[in-house]
């Protein structure tokens, strides 16, 4: 017995008439999730040395890798501004680094359109490592004088935490596309 192409039985999803994803939720959730992730580390703890990963940057990279065309290349500017306001870094450092990461991810997307998990993770690891080291360099130029060994725990936690952040972004992407009743 054949079933309808979108019907997976009693428990599975079925195509419904008059249901579409909300355009506000579909466009706004990625931006809001990155902003929330930028604010979250400052709410959780106050430390003299960086311990928590830069969750905003991790979410930004995860969204750019999961849905490359969803956020434009210039998205690093406003999202980096928000991160600069809440991270304590010198103003403009996240704008510069996030915009550079967006350009790098855009170039990788153009050159390697077919990637797998390992490739995505290696690219993310390189970007995360570069972001944390360059953030330390910018902070030292602004007068912080912090040694490089201070960022080792944050770097290790960030690199190991990225797959979890990528999974949470994938869940948010599924929520973003939940169909609602269309009103005409």
Protein backbone atom coordinates (compact mmCIF):
# COMPACT_ATOMS: atom_id res chain seq x y z
CA UNK A 1 0.00 0.00 0.00
CA UNK A 2 1.47 3.34 -1.06
CA UNK A 3 1.32 6.39 1.14
CA UNK A 4 1.22 10.04 0.16
CA UNK A 5 4.71 11.48 -0.48
CA UNK A 6 4.66 13.74 2.60
CA UNK A 7 2.84 11.42 4.98
CA UNK A 8 5.05 9.36 7.24
CA UNK A 9 2.31 7.72 9.27
CA UNK A 10 0.85 8.66 12.61
CA UNK A 11 4.01 10.06 14.20
CA UNK A 12 5.70 11.69 11.21
CA UNK A 13 5.22 15.11 9.63
CA UNK A 14 2.53 15.58 7.04
CA UNK A 15 2.08 18.28 4.45
CA UNK A 16 -0.74 20.55 5.44
CA UNK A 17 -2.72 22.93 3.36
CA UNK A 18 -2.54 26.63 4.26
CA UNK A 19 0.68 26.30 6.35
CA UNK A 20 3.91 28.21 5.69
CA UNK A 21 6.88 29.25 7.83
CA UNK A 22 6.58 32.68 9.43
CA UNK A 23 8.74 35.15 7.46
CA UNK A 24 9.51 37.13 10.63
CA UNK A 25 10.67 34.02 12.48
CA UNK A 26 12.50 32.66 9.43
CA UNK A 27 14.51 35.86 8.95
CA UNK A 28 14.83 37.05 12.54
CA UNK A 29 15.70 33.93 14.53
CA UNK A 30 19.29 33.60 13.23
CA UNK A 31 20.06 37.22 14.07
CA UNK A 32 18.40 37.04 17.49
CA UNK A 33 20.12 33.77 18.38
CA UNK A 34 23.55 35.23 17.60
CA UNK A 35 22.75 38.34 19.66
CA UNK A 36 21.55 36.17 22.56
CA UNK A 37 24.70 34.07 22.36
CA UNK A 38 26.82 37.24 22.43
CA UNK A 39 25.08 38.46 25.58
CA UNK A 40 25.00 35.08 27.38
CA UNK A 41 28.68 34.71 28.47
CA UNK A 42 28.55 38.06 30.27
CA UNK A 43 25.44 37.03 32.14
CA UNK A 44 26.82 33.69 33.31
CA UNK A 45 30.06 34.68 35.00
CA UNK A 46 32.46 37.51 35.63
CA UNK A 47 36.08 36.39 35.48
CA UNK A 48 39.48 38.01 35.38
CA UNK A 49 40.54 35.76 32.51
CA UNK A 50 38.53 34.47 29.55
CA UNK A 51 37.05 31.08 30.33
CA UNK A 52 33.77 30.81 28.45
CA UNK A 53 33.89 30.45 24.69
CA UNK A 54 32.82 33.36 22.49
CA UNK A 55 29.35 31.89 21.99
CA UNK A 56 28.20 34.69 19.71
CA UNK A 57 31.05 34.06 17.29
CA UNK A 58 30.50 30.31 17.45
CA UNK A 59 26.80 30.77 16.66
CA UNK A 60 27.65 33.20 13.85
CA UNK A 61 30.05 30.71 12.25
CA UNK A 62 27.56 27.86 12.73
CA UNK A 63 24.74 29.80 11.04
CA UNK A 64 27.02 30.82 8.17
CA UNK A 65 28.10 27.20 7.66
CA UNK A 66 24.64 25.67 8.05
CA UNK A 67 22.80 28.16 5.82
CA UNK A 68 25.39 30.10 3.77
CA UNK A 69 22.93 32.41 2.03
CA UNK A 70 20.81 33.20 5.07
CA UNK A 71 22.98 35.98 6.50
CA UNK A 72 24.64 38.40 4.10
CA UNK A 73 28.38 38.99 4.16
CA UNK A 74 27.88 42.35 5.88
CA UNK A 75 26.15 40.64 8.85
CA UNK A 76 29.46 40.68 10.72
CA UNK A 77 29.18 44.45 11.13
CA UNK A 78 25.97 44.77 13.20
CA UNK A 79 26.44 41.46 15.01
CA UNK A 80 30.05 42.32 15.80
CA UNK A 81 28.88 45.69 17.17
CA UNK A 82 26.53 43.91 19.56
CA UNK A 83 29.29 41.55 20.60
CA UNK A 84 31.66 44.47 21.19
CA UNK A 85 29.12 46.10 23.47
CA UNK A 86 28.77 43.02 25.68
CA UNK A 87 32.15 41.27 25.50
CA UNK A 88 34.43 43.91 26.96
CA UNK A 89 36.77 43.81 24.00
CA UNK A 90 37.99 47.11 22.49
CA UNK A 91 35.22 48.64 20.44
CA UNK A 92 35.44 47.61 16.79
CA UNK A 93 37.51 44.46 17.26
CA UNK A 94 34.58 42.05 16.83
CA UNK A 95 33.29 44.10 13.90
CA UNK A 96 36.61 43.67 12.13
CA UNK A 97 37.09 40.01 13.07
CA UNK A 98 33.49 38.90 12.41
CA UNK A 99 33.47 40.69 9.05
CA UNK A 100 36.76 39.01 8.15
CA UNK A 101 35.34 35.63 9.19
CA UNK A 102 32.23 36.24 7.05
CA UNK A 103 34.40 37.03 4.04
CA UNK A 104 36.54 33.92 4.64
CA UNK A 105 33.43 31.73 4.97
CA UNK A 106 31.99 33.25 1.80
CA UNK A 107 35.19 32.48 -0.11
CA UNK A 108 35.28 28.92 1.23
CA UNK A 109 31.65 28.47 0.20
CA UNK A 110 32.49 29.66 -3.32
CA UNK A 111 35.55 27.43 -3.63
CA UNK A 112 34.30 24.30 -1.82
CA UNK A 113 30.54 24.00 -2.33
CA UNK A 114 30.52 20.34 -1.21
CA UNK A 115 31.79 19.85 2.31
CA UNK A 116 31.40 17.31 5.09
CA UNK A 117 31.41 17.51 8.88
CA UNK A 118 35.18 17.20 9.17
CA UNK A 119 35.81 19.99 6.67
CA UNK A 120 33.29 22.26 8.40
CA UNK A 121 34.81 21.56 11.80
CA UNK A 122 38.38 22.17 10.56
CA UNK A 123 37.33 25.48 8.98
CA UNK A 124 35.51 26.45 12.18
CA UNK A 125 38.52 25.44 14.29
CA UNK A 126 40.79 27.65 12.21
CA UNK A 127 38.40 30.58 12.43
CA UNK A 128 37.87 30.15 16.18
CA UNK A 129 41.58 29.89 16.87
CA UNK A 130 42.31 32.94 14.71
CA UNK A 131 39.47 34.89 16.34
CA UNK A 132 40.63 34.21 19.91
CA UNK A 133 44.32 34.92 19.18
CA UNK A 134 43.54 38.08 17.19
CA UNK A 135 41.16 39.24 19.94
CA UNK A 136 44.02 38.89 22.42
CA UNK A 137 46.32 40.78 20.06
CA UNK A 138 43.81 43.63 19.65
CA UNK A 139 43.27 43.77 23.41
CA UNK A 140 47.03 43.90 23.98
CA UNK A 141 47.41 46.69 21.45
CA UNK A 142 44.70 48.58 23.35
CA UNK A 143 46.71 48.19 26.56
CA UNK A 144 45.69 44.87 28.17
CA UNK A 145 49.16 43.23 28.30
CA UNK A 146 47.82 39.69 28.76
CA UNK A 147 50.11 36.72 28.06
CA UNK A 148 49.12 34.15 25.45
CA UNK A 149 48.73 31.29 27.95
CA UNK A 150 45.68 33.07 29.41
CA UNK A 151 43.56 32.12 26.39
CA UNK A 152 44.47 28.42 26.33
CA UNK A 153 41.45 27.23 28.39
CA UNK A 154 39.05 29.38 26.37
CA UNK A 155 40.52 28.10 23.11
CA UNK A 156 40.26 24.44 24.11
CA UNK A 157 36.70 24.84 25.41
CA UNK A 158 35.69 26.75 22.27
CA UNK A 159 37.09 24.16 19.89
CA UNK A 160 35.41 21.30 21.73
CA UNK A 161 32.15 23.21 22.19
CA UNK A 162 31.66 24.09 18.51
CA UNK A 163 29.88 20.83 17.49
CA UNK A 164 27.38 21.38 20.32
CA UNK A 165 26.76 24.95 19.20
CA UNK A 166 26.36 23.70 15.64
CA UNK A 167 23.77 21.17 16.83
CA UNK A 168 21.87 23.89 18.73
CA UNK A 169 21.91 26.10 15.64
CA UNK A 170 20.51 23.18 13.61
CA UNK A 171 17.69 22.83 16.15
CA UNK A 172 17.03 26.57 15.92
CA UNK A 173 16.97 26.22 12.14
CA UNK A 174 14.25 23.58 12.41
CA UNK A 175 12.27 25.84 14.75
CA UNK A 176 12.75 28.71 12.29
CA UNK A 177 10.98 26.72 9.58
CA UNK A 178 7.95 25.52 11.59
CA UNK A 179 4.87 26.07 9.44
CA UNK A 180 2.12 28.31 10.77
CA UNK A 181 -1.34 28.98 9.40
CA UNK A 182 -1.24 31.35 6.47
CA UNK A 183 -3.81 34.14 6.59
CA UNK A 184 -4.82 35.72 3.33
